């Protein structure tokens, strides 16, 4: 049975330093790993009309079905790395999540 617990994917300060080096200015660092943003263009938004009135900062819930289309693993003398690509095939996005769910996404200073 799959685990459907929401996991915070925010990059920790130690992960930022490890991936970008010590000399990176804090304002220039990413908060979340590459690949965790969904970009929907006009044709896709036509299929999800409840998002057409969305504003920057709105919280949405997402349910999707996808297929693993690529899996690779690289091992070197010092580390191993595994990559996985999922093609989202069906998606539902609720532009009005309930208040209890949204409470975890209130603006916080980082």
N, C-alpha and C. Protein backbone atom coordinates (compact mmCIF):
# COMPACT_ATOMS: atom_id res chain seq x y z
N UNK A 1 0.86 -1.19 0.00
CA UNK A 1 0.00 0.00 0.00
C UNK A 1 0.89 1.23 0.00
N UNK A 2 0.65 2.19 -0.91
CA UNK A 2 1.51 3.37 -1.00
C UNK A 2 1.33 4.29 0.20
N UNK A 3 2.42 4.99 0.55
CA UNK A 3 2.39 5.95 1.63
C UNK A 3 2.00 7.30 1.04
N UNK A 4 0.86 7.85 1.45
CA UNK A 4 0.40 9.11 0.87
C UNK A 4 0.62 10.29 1.81
N UNK A 5 1.55 10.16 2.75
CA UNK A 5 1.89 11.24 3.66
C UNK A 5 2.61 12.34 2.88
N UNK A 6 2.19 13.59 3.10
CA UNK A 6 2.86 14.71 2.44
C UNK A 6 4.25 14.89 3.06
N UNK A 7 5.26 14.99 2.22
CA UNK A 7 6.64 15.13 2.66
C UNK A 7 7.13 16.51 2.25
N UNK A 8 7.70 17.27 3.19
CA UNK A 8 8.25 18.59 2.88
C UNK A 8 9.55 18.40 2.12
N UNK A 9 9.60 18.86 0.89
CA UNK A 9 10.76 18.67 0.02
C UNK A 9 11.72 19.85 0.04
N UNK A 10 11.48 20.81 0.93
CA UNK A 10 12.34 21.99 0.99
C UNK A 10 13.79 21.59 1.23
N UNK A 11 14.71 22.26 0.53
CA UNK A 11 16.14 21.97 0.65
C UNK A 11 16.67 22.59 1.94
N UNK A 12 17.34 21.79 2.76
CA UNK A 12 17.92 22.31 4.00
C UNK A 12 19.15 23.14 3.68
N UNK A 13 19.57 23.98 4.63
CA UNK A 13 20.76 24.81 4.43
C UNK A 13 22.00 23.96 4.17
N UNK A 14 22.11 22.82 4.84
CA UNK A 14 23.27 21.96 4.61
C UNK A 14 23.24 21.35 3.20
N UNK A 15 22.05 20.99 2.70
CA UNK A 15 21.93 20.49 1.33
C UNK A 15 22.27 21.57 0.32
N UNK A 16 21.89 22.82 0.61
CA UNK A 16 22.22 23.93 -0.28
C UNK A 16 23.73 24.11 -0.39
N UNK A 17 24.39 24.10 0.75
CA UNK A 17 25.84 24.27 0.76
C UNK A 17 26.53 23.12 0.05
N UNK A 18 26.05 21.91 0.27
CA UNK A 18 26.64 20.72 -0.35
C UNK A 18 26.52 20.76 -1.87
N UNK A 19 25.36 21.18 -2.37
CA UNK A 19 25.14 21.16 -3.82
C UNK A 19 25.64 22.40 -4.53
N UNK A 20 25.77 23.53 -3.82
CA UNK A 20 26.11 24.77 -4.49
C UNK A 20 27.41 25.41 -4.01
N UNK A 21 28.01 24.87 -2.99
CA UNK A 21 29.27 25.43 -2.50
C UNK A 21 29.05 26.51 -1.45
N UNK A 22 30.07 26.79 -0.70
CA UNK A 22 30.01 27.72 0.42
C UNK A 22 29.82 29.18 -0.01
N UNK A 23 30.29 29.58 -1.19
CA UNK A 23 30.31 30.99 -1.57
C UNK A 23 29.00 31.49 -2.16
N UNK A 24 27.96 30.67 -2.15
CA UNK A 24 26.69 31.07 -2.75
C UNK A 24 25.98 32.07 -1.84
N UNK A 25 25.48 33.14 -2.45
CA UNK A 25 24.71 34.13 -1.70
C UNK A 25 23.36 33.53 -1.35
N UNK A 26 22.94 33.67 -0.10
CA UNK A 26 21.73 33.01 0.36
C UNK A 26 20.50 33.36 -0.47
N UNK A 27 20.37 34.60 -0.92
CA UNK A 27 19.19 35.01 -1.70
C UNK A 27 19.13 34.30 -3.06
N UNK A 28 20.23 33.78 -3.55
CA UNK A 28 20.26 33.15 -4.86
C UNK A 28 20.00 31.65 -4.81
N UNK A 29 19.81 31.07 -3.64
CA UNK A 29 19.66 29.63 -3.54
C UNK A 29 18.21 29.21 -3.76
N UNK A 30 18.03 28.02 -4.30
CA UNK A 30 16.70 27.46 -4.51
C UNK A 30 16.15 26.97 -3.17
N UNK A 31 14.85 27.01 -3.04
CA UNK A 31 14.21 26.49 -1.83
C UNK A 31 13.79 25.03 -1.99
N UNK A 32 13.55 24.62 -3.24
CA UNK A 32 13.10 23.26 -3.51
C UNK A 32 13.93 22.67 -4.65
N UNK A 33 14.08 21.35 -4.69
CA UNK A 33 14.89 20.71 -5.74
C UNK A 33 14.34 20.96 -7.14
N UNK A 34 15.24 20.91 -8.10
CA UNK A 34 14.88 21.04 -9.51
C UNK A 34 13.86 19.98 -9.87
N UNK A 35 12.89 20.34 -10.66
CA UNK A 35 11.92 19.38 -11.16
C UNK A 35 10.64 19.30 -10.34
N UNK A 36 10.54 20.08 -9.26
CA UNK A 36 9.33 19.99 -8.45
C UNK A 36 8.31 21.09 -8.75
N UNK A 37 8.51 21.84 -9.82
CA UNK A 37 7.53 22.83 -10.24
C UNK A 37 6.75 22.28 -11.43
N UNK A 38 5.45 22.57 -11.46
CA UNK A 38 4.61 22.23 -12.61
C UNK A 38 4.33 23.53 -13.35
N UNK A 39 4.59 23.55 -14.62
CA UNK A 39 4.28 24.72 -15.45
C UNK A 39 3.16 24.32 -16.40
N UNK A 40 2.06 25.05 -16.33
CA UNK A 40 0.90 24.75 -17.17
C UNK A 40 0.67 25.91 -18.12
N UNK A 41 0.68 25.64 -19.41
CA UNK A 41 0.45 26.66 -20.42
C UNK A 41 -1.05 26.78 -20.70
N UNK A 42 -1.39 27.74 -21.55
CA UNK A 42 -2.78 28.07 -21.82
C UNK A 42 -3.64 26.87 -22.18
N UNK A 43 -3.17 25.99 -23.08
CA UNK A 43 -3.96 24.83 -23.48
C UNK A 43 -4.23 23.89 -22.31
N UNK A 44 -3.25 23.73 -21.43
CA UNK A 44 -3.44 22.89 -20.24
C UNK A 44 -4.40 23.55 -19.27
N UNK A 45 -4.30 24.87 -19.11
CA UNK A 45 -5.19 25.58 -18.19
C UNK A 45 -6.65 25.51 -18.66
N UNK A 46 -6.86 25.39 -19.96
CA UNK A 46 -8.22 25.24 -20.48
C UNK A 46 -8.85 23.95 -19.97
N UNK A 47 -8.02 22.93 -19.74
CA UNK A 47 -8.50 21.64 -19.23
C UNK A 47 -8.70 21.66 -17.72
N UNK A 48 -8.14 22.67 -17.05
CA UNK A 48 -8.24 22.81 -15.58
C UNK A 48 -8.80 24.21 -15.27
N UNK A 49 -10.07 24.44 -15.60
CA UNK A 49 -10.63 25.80 -15.53
C UNK A 49 -10.62 26.42 -14.13
N UNK A 50 -10.59 25.60 -13.07
CA UNK A 50 -10.59 26.17 -11.73
C UNK A 50 -9.27 26.88 -11.40
N UNK A 51 -8.25 26.71 -12.25
CA UNK A 51 -6.98 27.40 -12.03
C UNK A 51 -6.90 28.73 -12.79
N UNK A 52 -7.80 28.99 -13.69
CA UNK A 52 -7.73 30.19 -14.53
C UNK A 52 -7.75 31.47 -13.70
N UNK A 53 -8.38 31.44 -12.53
CA UNK A 53 -8.45 32.64 -11.68
C UNK A 53 -7.42 32.61 -10.56
N UNK A 54 -6.50 31.66 -10.61
CA UNK A 54 -5.49 31.55 -9.57
C UNK A 54 -4.59 32.77 -9.50
N UNK A 55 -4.10 33.06 -8.29
CA UNK A 55 -3.20 34.18 -8.06
C UNK A 55 -1.91 33.66 -7.45
N UNK A 56 -0.83 34.40 -7.63
CA UNK A 56 0.45 34.05 -7.03
C UNK A 56 0.25 33.96 -5.51
N UNK A 57 0.70 32.88 -4.94
CA UNK A 57 0.57 32.66 -3.50
C UNK A 57 -0.59 31.77 -3.10
N UNK A 58 -1.55 31.55 -4.01
CA UNK A 58 -2.66 30.64 -3.71
C UNK A 58 -2.12 29.24 -3.49
N UNK A 59 -2.72 28.52 -2.55
CA UNK A 59 -2.34 27.13 -2.29
C UNK A 59 -3.33 26.23 -3.02
N UNK A 60 -2.83 25.19 -3.70
CA UNK A 60 -3.68 24.24 -4.40
C UNK A 60 -3.30 22.82 -3.95
N UNK A 61 -4.26 21.92 -4.08
CA UNK A 61 -3.96 20.51 -3.84
C UNK A 61 -3.89 19.82 -5.19
N UNK A 62 -3.00 18.84 -5.27
CA UNK A 62 -2.76 18.15 -6.53
C UNK A 62 -2.90 16.65 -6.33
N UNK A 63 -3.62 16.01 -7.21
CA UNK A 63 -3.67 14.55 -7.27
C UNK A 63 -3.32 14.17 -8.70
N UNK A 64 -2.44 13.21 -8.86
CA UNK A 64 -2.01 12.86 -10.21
C UNK A 64 -1.74 11.37 -10.31
N UNK A 65 -1.84 10.88 -11.53
CA UNK A 65 -1.45 9.51 -11.85
C UNK A 65 -0.38 9.61 -12.91
N UNK A 66 0.68 8.87 -12.73
CA UNK A 66 1.77 8.92 -13.69
C UNK A 66 2.42 7.56 -13.84
N UNK A 67 3.37 7.53 -14.75
CA UNK A 67 4.09 6.30 -15.04
C UNK A 67 5.59 6.59 -14.95
N UNK A 68 6.33 5.69 -14.32
CA UNK A 68 7.79 5.81 -14.31
C UNK A 68 8.27 5.49 -15.71
N UNK A 69 8.94 6.47 -16.34
CA UNK A 69 9.37 6.30 -17.73
C UNK A 69 10.89 6.19 -17.85
N UNK A 70 11.60 6.48 -16.78
CA UNK A 70 13.05 6.41 -16.84
C UNK A 70 13.60 6.18 -15.43
N UNK A 71 14.62 5.33 -15.37
CA UNK A 71 15.28 5.04 -14.12
C UNK A 71 16.76 4.82 -14.42
N UNK A 72 17.61 5.55 -13.70
CA UNK A 72 19.04 5.35 -13.92
C UNK A 72 19.77 5.40 -12.59
N UNK A 73 20.87 4.68 -12.52
CA UNK A 73 21.69 4.65 -11.31
C UNK A 73 23.15 4.71 -11.74
N UNK A 74 23.87 5.64 -11.11
CA UNK A 74 25.29 5.81 -11.40
C UNK A 74 26.06 5.65 -10.11
N UNK A 75 27.09 4.82 -10.17
CA UNK A 75 27.93 4.62 -8.99
C UNK A 75 29.37 4.98 -9.33
N UNK A 76 29.98 5.81 -8.48
CA UNK A 76 31.39 6.15 -8.63
C UNK A 76 32.13 5.64 -7.41
N UNK A 77 33.41 5.93 -7.34
CA UNK A 77 34.20 5.49 -6.19
C UNK A 77 33.73 6.16 -4.90
N UNK A 78 33.18 7.36 -5.01
CA UNK A 78 32.83 8.11 -3.79
C UNK A 78 31.35 8.15 -3.46
N UNK A 79 30.49 7.92 -4.44
CA UNK A 79 29.05 7.98 -4.14
C UNK A 79 28.24 7.28 -5.22
N UNK A 80 26.97 7.08 -4.91
CA UNK A 80 26.05 6.56 -5.92
C UNK A 80 24.88 7.52 -6.01
N UNK A 81 24.28 7.57 -7.18
CA UNK A 81 23.18 8.49 -7.43
C UNK A 81 22.11 7.76 -8.24
N UNK A 82 20.85 7.99 -7.85
CA UNK A 82 19.74 7.35 -8.55
C UNK A 82 18.78 8.43 -9.02
N UNK A 83 18.35 8.36 -10.27
CA UNK A 83 17.40 9.30 -10.84
C UNK A 83 16.18 8.55 -11.36
N UNK A 84 15.02 9.19 -11.21
CA UNK A 84 13.76 8.60 -11.62
C UNK A 84 12.94 9.68 -12.31
N UNK A 85 12.34 9.36 -13.43
CA UNK A 85 11.47 10.32 -14.14
C UNK A 85 10.07 9.74 -14.20
N UNK A 86 9.11 10.57 -13.81
CA UNK A 86 7.70 10.18 -13.85
C UNK A 86 6.98 11.07 -14.85
N UNK A 87 6.28 10.46 -15.78
CA UNK A 87 5.43 11.21 -16.72
C UNK A 87 4.04 11.28 -16.13
N UNK A 88 3.59 12.49 -15.77
CA UNK A 88 2.23 12.65 -15.27
C UNK A 88 1.28 12.49 -16.45
N UNK A 89 0.32 11.58 -16.31
CA UNK A 89 -0.62 11.30 -17.39
C UNK A 89 -2.01 11.86 -17.12
N UNK A 90 -2.41 11.91 -15.86
CA UNK A 90 -3.71 12.46 -15.49
C UNK A 90 -3.50 13.29 -14.23
N UNK A 91 -4.21 14.42 -14.15
CA UNK A 91 -4.01 15.31 -13.00
C UNK A 91 -5.31 15.99 -12.63
N UNK A 92 -5.48 16.22 -11.34
CA UNK A 92 -6.59 17.02 -10.82
C UNK A 92 -5.97 18.03 -9.87
N UNK A 93 -6.38 19.28 -9.99
CA UNK A 93 -5.85 20.32 -9.12
C UNK A 93 -7.03 21.07 -8.54
N UNK A 94 -7.10 21.12 -7.21
CA UNK A 94 -8.16 21.81 -6.51
C UNK A 94 -7.65 23.19 -6.13
N UNK A 95 -8.26 24.22 -6.67
CA UNK A 95 -7.83 25.58 -6.38
C UNK A 95 -8.36 26.12 -5.07
N UNK A 96 -9.16 25.35 -4.35
CA UNK A 96 -9.73 25.82 -3.08
C UNK A 96 -9.60 24.76 -1.99
N UNK A 97 -8.38 24.46 -1.53
CA UNK A 97 -8.24 23.45 -0.48
C UNK A 97 -8.86 23.94 0.82
N UNK A 98 -9.21 22.98 1.69
CA UNK A 98 -9.82 23.37 2.95
C UNK A 98 -8.82 24.11 3.84
N UNK A 99 -9.33 24.86 4.82
CA UNK A 99 -8.50 25.71 5.68
C UNK A 99 -7.49 24.91 6.49
N UNK A 100 -7.88 23.72 6.96
CA UNK A 100 -6.98 22.88 7.76
C UNK A 100 -5.75 22.49 6.93
N UNK A 101 -5.97 22.10 5.68
CA UNK A 101 -4.87 21.73 4.80
C UNK A 101 -3.99 22.94 4.51
N UNK A 102 -4.60 24.07 4.18
CA UNK A 102 -3.87 25.28 3.81
C UNK A 102 -3.04 25.85 4.95
N UNK A 103 -3.42 25.56 6.18
CA UNK A 103 -2.71 26.14 7.34
C UNK A 103 -1.22 25.80 7.32
N UNK A 104 -0.84 24.64 6.79
CA UNK A 104 0.55 24.24 6.74
C UNK A 104 1.36 25.00 5.72
N UNK A 105 0.71 25.82 4.90
CA UNK A 105 1.39 26.55 3.83
C UNK A 105 1.39 28.05 4.04
N UNK A 106 1.00 28.50 5.23
CA UNK A 106 0.99 29.94 5.49
C UNK A 106 2.39 30.51 5.33
N UNK A 107 2.46 31.75 4.90
CA UNK A 107 3.75 32.39 4.68
C UNK A 107 4.57 32.43 5.97
N UNK A 108 5.80 31.99 5.83
CA UNK A 108 6.74 32.01 6.95
C UNK A 108 8.02 32.63 6.44
N UNK A 109 8.70 33.36 7.27
CA UNK A 109 10.00 33.90 6.88
C UNK A 109 11.02 32.80 6.99
N UNK A 110 11.82 32.62 5.93
CA UNK A 110 12.84 31.58 5.91
C UNK A 110 14.12 32.07 6.53
